[in-house]
Amino acid sequence: MRQIWYNTESMSSKKRRNEQGMVSFLVTLIMMLVITLIVVGFSQVTRRNSQEALDRQLSAQAFYAAESGINVTQNTILNYIKTNNAANLASKTACINEYDPTSASGSLPIAPLSGGVGYTCVLVNPTPPSLPFPVTQADSVVVPISTQANLKSLTVTWNRQKGLLRTACAGAADGQFVPASTWGADCDLGLLRLDMVQNPASTAQNATTLASNTISLFLTPRGSHSGSVAVGFGGTTAYIASGLDNQSGSGPCASGTCKVTIRLPDNTPNYELRATMLYRDSATMTISGTTDSGTALFSGAQAIVDVTGKDNDELRRVQARVSLFSSDTNIATNALAGSQDICKHFAILPSDNVDFASADTCN
């Protein structure tokens, strides 16, 4: 007897088995896609890191090129002012060519440095609108003040050193110079002393005329915070002014920077200024001002050198201040100096009656 076998498996079971194969295929495809994305992501990260490293290298080389341009231009300026008047230094407002102190247009094309690295732009401004200087208790700063017109006012700002935080500077009147220990208990801003001589080149070299053309000022972060003082030359008065906060425009100097505006007689564009810090050093003292024609532009003190360096598509721009004082023409810090001993006679006046004309000579 013949047996007949029937396929009792339903169509739905076959369909499910076929779908299981499709699911496996999709899972495999998704896993391959995820792995591909991970590999592509790592490749992009690697390329980005490599590009960033290259950009940093190119940026550093562009910076060094800009510094080279600064040094070249600075040497050009210093060599020029050794034999010429710094006040006649030419400005340069166009990028092309190297700097020529006698011509604003330059004279020679800028030569690239090795490997195609170089500086592409050199600008020089010998009459900046402000003069920044560091000032300490140990060393005075002597600055020539020469402007394009009669000077009406000077605004002086000074700040605290980095890392110091106390800026209350409360207590004490404008004219009270307390002991250093008391001053430093709540104030990290120093007191700035300024000595100014008007028309220094034309002043006769004797005590009478020098005194009549000199004033002294004490700018303090303490006191009433007037922020302004009008001065006159020819007297024996020492002017005292309390500074305003440089950011808010009112006292006390909570931002760590004080400013005082000195209103001048408006009769000359030429002064000599000596700055000395008391109690505390200042990271930067900045001088700006106004003249009969507007904002003061100072000549003969500093020049701003602006150089752009380039390496491939990376650019770096560097600015530097070049002092226009050559080393052999700096004004001495001391009012009087000698290579030998100086004879001095001391007396307490008016209680002592001393005739200096007949005083004994020094041995």
Protein backbone atom coordinates (compact mmCIF):
# COMPACT_ATOMS: atom_id res chain seq x y z
CA MET A 1 0.00 0.00 0.00
CA ARG A 2 1.47 3.29 -1.01
CA GLN A 3 1.86 5.99 1.63
CA ILE A 4 1.14 9.58 0.69
CA TRP A 5 2.93 12.37 2.60
CA TYR A 6 1.29 15.71 2.87
CA ASN A 7 3.16 18.96 3.51
CA THR A 8 1.34 20.30 6.47
CA GLU A 9 3.64 23.35 6.93
CA SER A 10 1.64 26.50 6.56
CA MET A 11 2.50 29.31 4.24
CA SER A 12 2.86 31.68 7.20
CA SER A 13 5.69 29.58 8.64
CA LYS A 14 7.61 29.75 5.38
CA LYS A 15 7.11 33.50 5.27
CA ARG A 16 8.45 33.92 8.81
CA ARG A 17 11.56 31.88 7.96
CA ASN A 18 12.22 34.03 4.91
CA GLU A 19 11.78 37.20 6.98
CA GLN A 20 14.32 35.97 9.54
CA GLY A 21 16.93 35.94 6.78
CA MET A 22 16.01 39.47 5.80
CA VAL A 23 16.34 40.66 9.41
CA SER A 24 19.82 39.18 9.63
CA PHE A 25 20.76 40.94 6.43
CA LEU A 26 19.45 44.29 7.72
CA VAL A 27 21.24 43.88 11.05
CA THR A 28 24.49 43.13 9.24
CA LEU A 29 23.97 46.10 6.94
CA ILE A 30 23.29 48.45 9.88
CA MET A 31 26.37 47.20 11.74
CA MET A 32 28.52 47.75 8.67
CA LEU A 33 27.06 51.25 8.31
CA VAL A 34 27.77 52.06 11.98
CA ILE A 35 31.33 50.74 11.72
CA THR A 36 31.82 52.77 8.54
CA LEU A 37 30.58 55.92 10.27
CA ILE A 38 32.90 55.31 13.21
CA VAL A 39 35.86 54.82 10.89
CA VAL A 40 34.94 57.95 8.92
CA GLY A 41 34.53 59.90 12.18
CA PHE A 42 37.93 58.81 13.44
CA SER A 43 39.44 59.71 10.07
CA GLN A 44 37.89 63.17 10.22
CA VAL A 45 39.13 63.67 13.79
CA THR A 46 42.60 62.59 12.73
CA ARG A 47 42.58 64.90 9.72
CA ARG A 48 41.26 67.76 11.83
CA ASN A 49 43.96 67.23 14.45
CA SER A 50 46.59 67.11 11.74
CA GLN A 51 45.20 70.30 10.18
CA GLU A 52 45.11 72.04 13.56
CA ALA A 53 48.71 71.01 14.23
CA LEU A 54 49.70 72.34 10.80
CA ASP A 55 47.75 75.57 11.38
CA ARG A 56 49.49 76.06 14.72
CA GLN A 57 52.84 75.54 13.08
CA LEU A 58 52.03 77.95 10.26
CA SER A 59 50.62 80.48 12.74
CA ALA A 60 53.78 80.28 14.86
CA GLN A 61 55.95 80.80 11.78
CA ALA A 62 53.80 83.74 10.70
CA PHE A 63 54.20 85.20 14.20
CA TYR A 64 57.98 84.79 14.04
CA ALA A 65 57.95 86.47 10.63
CA ALA A 66 55.99 89.40 12.09
CA GLU A 67 58.48 89.64 14.96
CA SER A 68 61.30 89.69 12.42
CA GLY A 69 59.59 92.61 10.72
CA ILE A 70 59.29 94.38 14.08
CA ASN A 71 63.00 93.90 14.76
CA VAL A 72 64.05 95.05 11.28
CA THR A 73 61.89 98.17 11.50
CA GLN A 74 63.01 98.93 15.05
CA ASN A 75 66.67 98.74 14.04
CA THR A 76 65.95 101.03 11.09
CA ILE A 77 64.32 103.58 13.40
CA LEU A 78 67.07 103.44 16.04
CA ASN A 79 69.82 103.81 13.45
CA TYR A 80 68.01 106.81 12.02
CA ILE A 81 67.49 108.70 15.29
CA LYS A 82 71.14 108.30 16.27
CA THR A 83 72.01 110.99 13.74
CA ASN A 84 68.64 112.65 13.11
CA ASN A 85 65.86 114.30 15.05
CA ALA A 86 63.27 111.74 16.14
CA ALA A 87 60.56 114.36 15.76
CA ASN A 88 61.12 114.28 11.97
CA LEU A 89 60.53 110.55 11.70
CA ALA A 90 58.27 109.79 8.74
CA SER A 91 55.04 107.82 9.12
CA LYS A 92 54.11 104.82 6.95
CA THR A 93 50.47 104.08 6.23
CA ALA A 94 50.80 101.77 3.19
CA CYS A 95 51.70 98.09 3.49
CA ILE A 96 54.02 97.81 0.52
CA ASN A 97 57.81 98.07 0.83
CA GLU A 98 60.10 98.19 3.80
CA TYR A 99 60.11 101.21 6.09
CA ASP A 100 62.26 104.17 5.15
CA PRO A 101 62.37 106.80 7.95
CA THR A 102 62.79 109.59 5.40
CA SER A 103 59.94 108.56 3.08
CA ALA A 104 56.39 107.47 3.89
CA SER A 105 56.20 105.31 0.75
CA GLY A 106 59.13 103.05 1.63
CA SER A 107 62.05 102.26 -0.62
CA LEU A 108 62.67 98.53 -1.03
CA PRO A 109 60.28 95.61 -1.66
CA ILE A 110 59.68 93.38 1.34
CA ALA A 111 61.84 90.28 0.86
CA PRO A 112 60.34 86.91 1.89
CA LEU A 113 62.13 84.89 4.54
CA SER A 114 63.27 81.31 4.00
CA GLY A 115 60.67 78.83 2.77
CA GLY A 116 58.31 81.53 1.52
CA VAL A 117 57.55 82.73 5.04
CA GLY A 118 57.65 86.49 5.46
CA TYR A 119 55.96 89.68 6.57
CA THR A 120 53.63 91.29 4.08
CA CYS A 121 52.76 94.60 5.72
CA VAL A 122 54.77 97.18 7.68
CA LEU A 123 53.08 100.24 9.20
CA VAL A 124 54.73 102.90 11.36
CA ASN A 125 53.04 105.65 13.37
CA PRO A 126 55.59 108.02 15.00
CA THR A 127 52.87 110.26 16.49
CA PRO A 128 50.63 108.00 18.63
CA PRO A 129 47.67 109.43 20.59
CA SER A 130 48.83 107.82 23.84
CA LEU A 131 52.09 106.92 25.58
CA PRO A 132 52.16 103.86 27.88
CA PHE A 133 55.08 103.28 30.26
CA PRO A 134 55.73 101.00 33.25
CA VAL A 135 56.54 103.03 36.36
CA THR A 136 58.10 101.72 39.57
CA GLN A 137 59.22 103.11 42.90
CA ALA A 138 62.83 102.32 42.10
CA ASP A 139 63.06 103.96 38.66
CA SER A 140 61.59 107.20 37.42
CA VAL A 141 60.37 107.57 33.84
CA VAL A 142 61.31 110.75 31.97
CA VAL A 143 59.09 111.41 28.93
CA PRO A 144 59.31 114.19 26.34
CA ILE A 145 55.86 115.64 25.66
CA SER A 146 55.72 117.27 22.24
CA THR A 147 52.42 117.79 20.42
CA GLN A 148 51.20 119.30 17.15
CA ALA A 149 49.63 122.32 18.88
CA ASN A 150 49.53 123.99 22.30
CA LEU A 151 48.71 121.39 24.91
CA LYS A 152 45.48 122.10 26.81
CA SER A 153 45.33 119.04 29.07
CA LEU A 154 47.00 115.75 29.92
CA THR A 155 45.06 112.72 31.14
CA VAL A 156 47.18 110.29 33.13
CA THR A 157 46.01 106.78 34.05
CA TRP A 158 47.87 104.35 36.27
CA ASN A 159 46.99 100.91 37.58
CA ARG A 160 47.95 98.31 40.10
CA GLN A 161 50.32 95.43 39.49
CA LYS A 162 48.96 92.07 38.42
CA GLY A 163 48.02 89.79 41.29
CA LEU A 164 47.03 92.62 43.66
CA LEU A 165 43.33 92.94 44.47
CA ARG A 166 42.73 95.58 47.15
CA THR A 167 41.27 98.67 45.48
CA ALA A 168 39.11 100.29 48.18
CA CYS A 169 41.71 103.03 48.82
CA ALA A 170 39.35 104.61 51.35
CA GLY A 171 40.21 107.04 54.10
CA ALA A 172 42.79 109.81 54.19
CA ALA A 173 42.28 113.18 52.57
CA ASP A 174 43.89 114.19 49.30
CA GLY A 175 46.96 115.67 50.94
CA GLN A 176 47.57 113.03 53.61
CA PHE A 177 50.53 110.80 52.80
CA VAL A 178 50.18 108.11 55.45
CA PRO A 179 52.91 105.59 56.37
CA ALA A 180 53.46 102.79 53.86
CA SER A 181 52.12 100.15 56.27
CA THR A 182 48.87 102.08 56.68
CA TRP A 183 48.57 102.78 52.96
CA GLY A 184 49.03 99.13 51.99
CA ALA A 185 46.46 97.83 54.47
CA ASP A 186 43.56 98.45 52.08
CA CYS A 187 44.98 99.93 48.86
CA ASP A 188 47.13 98.30 46.18
CA LEU A 189 47.22 101.39 43.97
CA GLY A 190 50.23 103.64 44.30
CA LEU A 191 50.55 107.40 44.45
CA LEU A 192 51.96 108.92 41.26
CA ARG A 193 54.29 111.90 41.41
CA LEU A 194 54.74 114.01 38.26
CA ASP A 195 57.32 116.77 37.73
CA MET A 196 56.77 118.84 34.59
CA VAL A 197 58.99 121.41 32.90
CA GLN A 198 57.54 123.57 30.13
CA ASN A 199 59.62 124.54 27.08
CA PRO A 200 62.63 122.53 28.32
CA ALA A 201 64.77 123.28 25.24
CA SER A 202 64.36 127.04 25.53
CA THR A 203 64.61 127.37 29.32
CA ALA A 204 67.78 129.06 30.47
CA GLN A 205 69.93 126.82 32.59
CA ASN A 206 69.74 128.55 35.94
CA ALA A 207 67.82 127.89 39.12
CA THR A 208 65.50 130.89 38.82
CA THR A 209 64.16 130.23 35.33
CA LEU A 210 64.00 126.48 35.91
CA ALA A 211 61.88 126.95 39.03
CA SER A 212 59.51 129.31 37.23
CA ASN A 213 58.91 126.70 34.53
CA THR A 214 58.47 123.65 36.77
CA ILE A 215 55.52 122.19 38.66
CA SER A 216 55.06 119.08 40.78
CA LEU A 217 51.86 117.06 41.08
CA PHE A 218 50.83 114.19 43.34
CA LEU A 219 48.08 112.00 41.90
CA THR A 220 46.47 109.80 44.52
CA PRO A 221 43.78 107.09 44.46
CA ARG A 222 42.57 108.25 47.89
CA GLY A 223 40.62 111.32 48.93
CA SER A 224 37.76 113.21 47.32
CA HIS A 225 38.19 111.75 43.78
CA SER A 226 37.91 115.00 41.88
CA GLY A 227 39.75 113.52 38.90
CA SER A 228 40.88 116.92 37.62
CA VAL A 229 43.27 119.71 38.54
CA ALA A 230 44.21 123.04 36.94
CA VAL A 231 47.87 123.99 37.26
CA GLY A 232 49.97 127.07 36.76
CA PHE A 233 53.74 127.37 36.40
CA GLY A 234 55.99 129.76 38.24
CA GLY A 235 54.86 129.21 41.85
CA THR A 236 56.01 126.97 44.66
CA THR A 237 52.73 125.06 44.99
CA ALA A 238 52.66 121.27 44.76
CA TYR A 239 49.35 120.23 43.23
CA ILE A 240 47.43 117.26 44.61
CA ALA A 241 44.56 115.53 42.79
CA SER A 242 42.58 112.41 43.63
CA GLY A 243 41.94 110.07 40.70
CA LEU A 244 38.64 108.77 39.36
CA ASP A 245 37.97 105.15 38.46
CA ASN A 246 38.96 104.73 34.83
CA GLN A 247 35.99 102.50 33.93
CA SER A 248 33.08 104.03 35.82
CA GLY A 249 34.33 107.62 35.63
CA SER A 250 33.83 108.16 39.35
CA GLY A 251 35.76 107.29 42.49
CA PRO A 252 37.04 105.27 44.17
CA CYS A 253 39.25 103.38 41.71
CA ALA A 254 37.52 100.01 42.12
CA SER A 255 38.55 98.68 38.69
CA GLY A 256 42.22 98.92 39.63
CA THR A 257 42.96 101.86 37.30
CA CYS A 258 42.83 105.56 38.27
CA LYS A 259 42.87 108.63 36.04
CA VAL A 260 43.45 112.34 36.53
CA THR A 261 43.14 115.12 33.96
CA ILE A 262 45.67 117.95 34.31
CA ARG A 263 44.48 121.24 32.82
CA LEU A 264 47.50 123.18 31.52
CA PRO A 265 47.97 126.92 30.74
CA ASP A 266 47.60 126.22 26.96
CA ASN A 267 50.64 128.23 25.95
CA THR A 268 53.15 125.66 24.67
CA PRO A 269 53.24 122.24 22.96
CA ASN A 270 56.50 121.16 24.61
CA TYR A 271 57.05 119.72 28.07
CA GLU A 272 59.35 117.33 29.84
CA LEU A 273 57.63 115.00 32.31
CA ARG A 274 59.12 112.85 35.03
CA ALA A 275 56.95 110.17 36.68
CA THR A 276 57.69 108.34 39.92
CA MET A 277 55.52 105.88 41.85
CA LEU A 278 55.20 106.04 45.64
CA TYR A 279 53.91 103.27 47.94
CA ARG A 280 53.24 100.85 45.06
CA ASP A 281 54.52 100.14 41.55
CA SER A 282 52.28 100.54 38.51
CA ALA A 283 52.10 97.99 35.72
CA THR A 284 51.35 100.75 33.21
CA MET A 285 51.08 104.53 33.24
CA THR A 286 49.38 105.90 30.12
CA ILE A 287 49.48 109.53 28.98
CA SER A 288 46.95 111.07 26.59
CA GLY A 289 45.79 114.63 26.07
CA THR A 290 44.07 117.38 24.10
CA THR A 291 45.40 120.35 22.17
CA ASP A 292 43.92 123.43 20.52
CA SER A 293 43.28 121.27 17.45
CA GLY A 294 41.76 118.23 19.22
CA THR A 295 43.33 114.96 20.32
CA ALA A 296 47.01 115.28 21.15
CA LEU A 297 49.45 113.35 18.96
CA PHE A 298 52.82 112.87 20.66
CA SER A 299 56.04 113.04 18.65
CA GLY A 300 59.57 112.19 19.70
CA ALA A 301 58.57 109.75 22.46
CA GLN A 302 57.31 106.48 20.95
CA ALA A 303 56.48 104.99 17.57
CA ILE A 304 53.90 102.26 16.95
CA VAL A 305 55.24 99.57 14.62
CA ASP A 306 52.55 97.30 13.13
CA VAL A 307 53.69 94.25 11.14
CA THR A 308 51.71 91.38 9.58
CA GLY A 309 53.46 88.05 9.07
CA LYS A 310 52.29 85.33 6.68
CA ASP A 311 52.90 81.63 6.08
CA ASN A 312 50.65 80.07 3.41
CA ASP A 313 47.12 81.16 4.41
CA GLU A 314 47.98 81.92 8.05
CA LEU A 315 48.37 85.58 9.06
CA ARG A 316 49.62 87.02 12.36
CA ARG A 317 49.61 90.72 13.19
CA VAL A 318 51.93 92.15 15.85
CA GLN A 319 52.12 95.67 17.27
CA ALA A 320 55.03 97.00 19.29
CA ARG A 321 56.05 100.31 20.83
CA VAL A 322 59.52 101.54 19.92
CA SER A 323 61.10 104.11 22.20
CA LEU A 324 62.52 107.05 20.30
CA PHE A 325 65.12 107.69 23.01
CA SER A 326 68.48 106.41 21.86
CA SER A 327 70.62 104.98 24.66
CA ASP A 328 73.08 107.87 24.56
CA THR A 329 70.47 110.64 24.77
CA ASN A 330 68.24 109.43 27.60
CA ILE A 331 67.56 112.08 30.20
CA ALA A 332 69.10 111.20 33.54
CA THR A 333 66.80 110.24 36.39
CA ASN A 334 68.76 112.32 38.90
CA ALA A 335 68.62 116.11 38.85
CA LEU A 336 72.32 116.32 39.67
CA ALA A 337 75.08 113.74 39.37
CA GLY A 338 78.85 113.87 39.56
CA SER A 339 81.80 111.56 39.13
CA GLN A 340 83.38 112.87 42.37
CA ASP A 341 82.17 113.62 45.88
CA ILE A 342 79.93 116.66 46.31
CA CYS A 343 80.43 118.98 49.28
CA LYS A 344 77.22 119.57 51.29
CA HIS A 345 76.42 121.77 54.29
CA PHE A 346 73.28 121.10 56.31
CA ALA A 347 71.37 123.53 58.49
CA ILE A 348 67.98 123.61 60.19
CA LEU A 349 66.22 126.84 59.32
CA PRO A 350 65.14 129.26 60.66
CA SER A 351 66.60 128.27 64.03
CA ASP A 352 70.15 128.06 62.65
CA ASN A 353 71.87 131.21 61.47
CA VAL A 354 74.23 130.07 58.72
CA ASP A 355 76.13 132.20 56.23
CA PHE A 356 76.72 129.80 53.38
CA ALA A 357 78.94 132.29 51.59
CA SER A 358 81.51 132.06 54.38
CA ALA A 359 80.99 128.38 55.25
CA ASP A 360 84.08 126.25 55.58
CA THR A 361 85.19 124.36 52.51
CA CYS A 362 85.05 120.59 52.42
CA ASN A 363 88.19 118.61 53.07
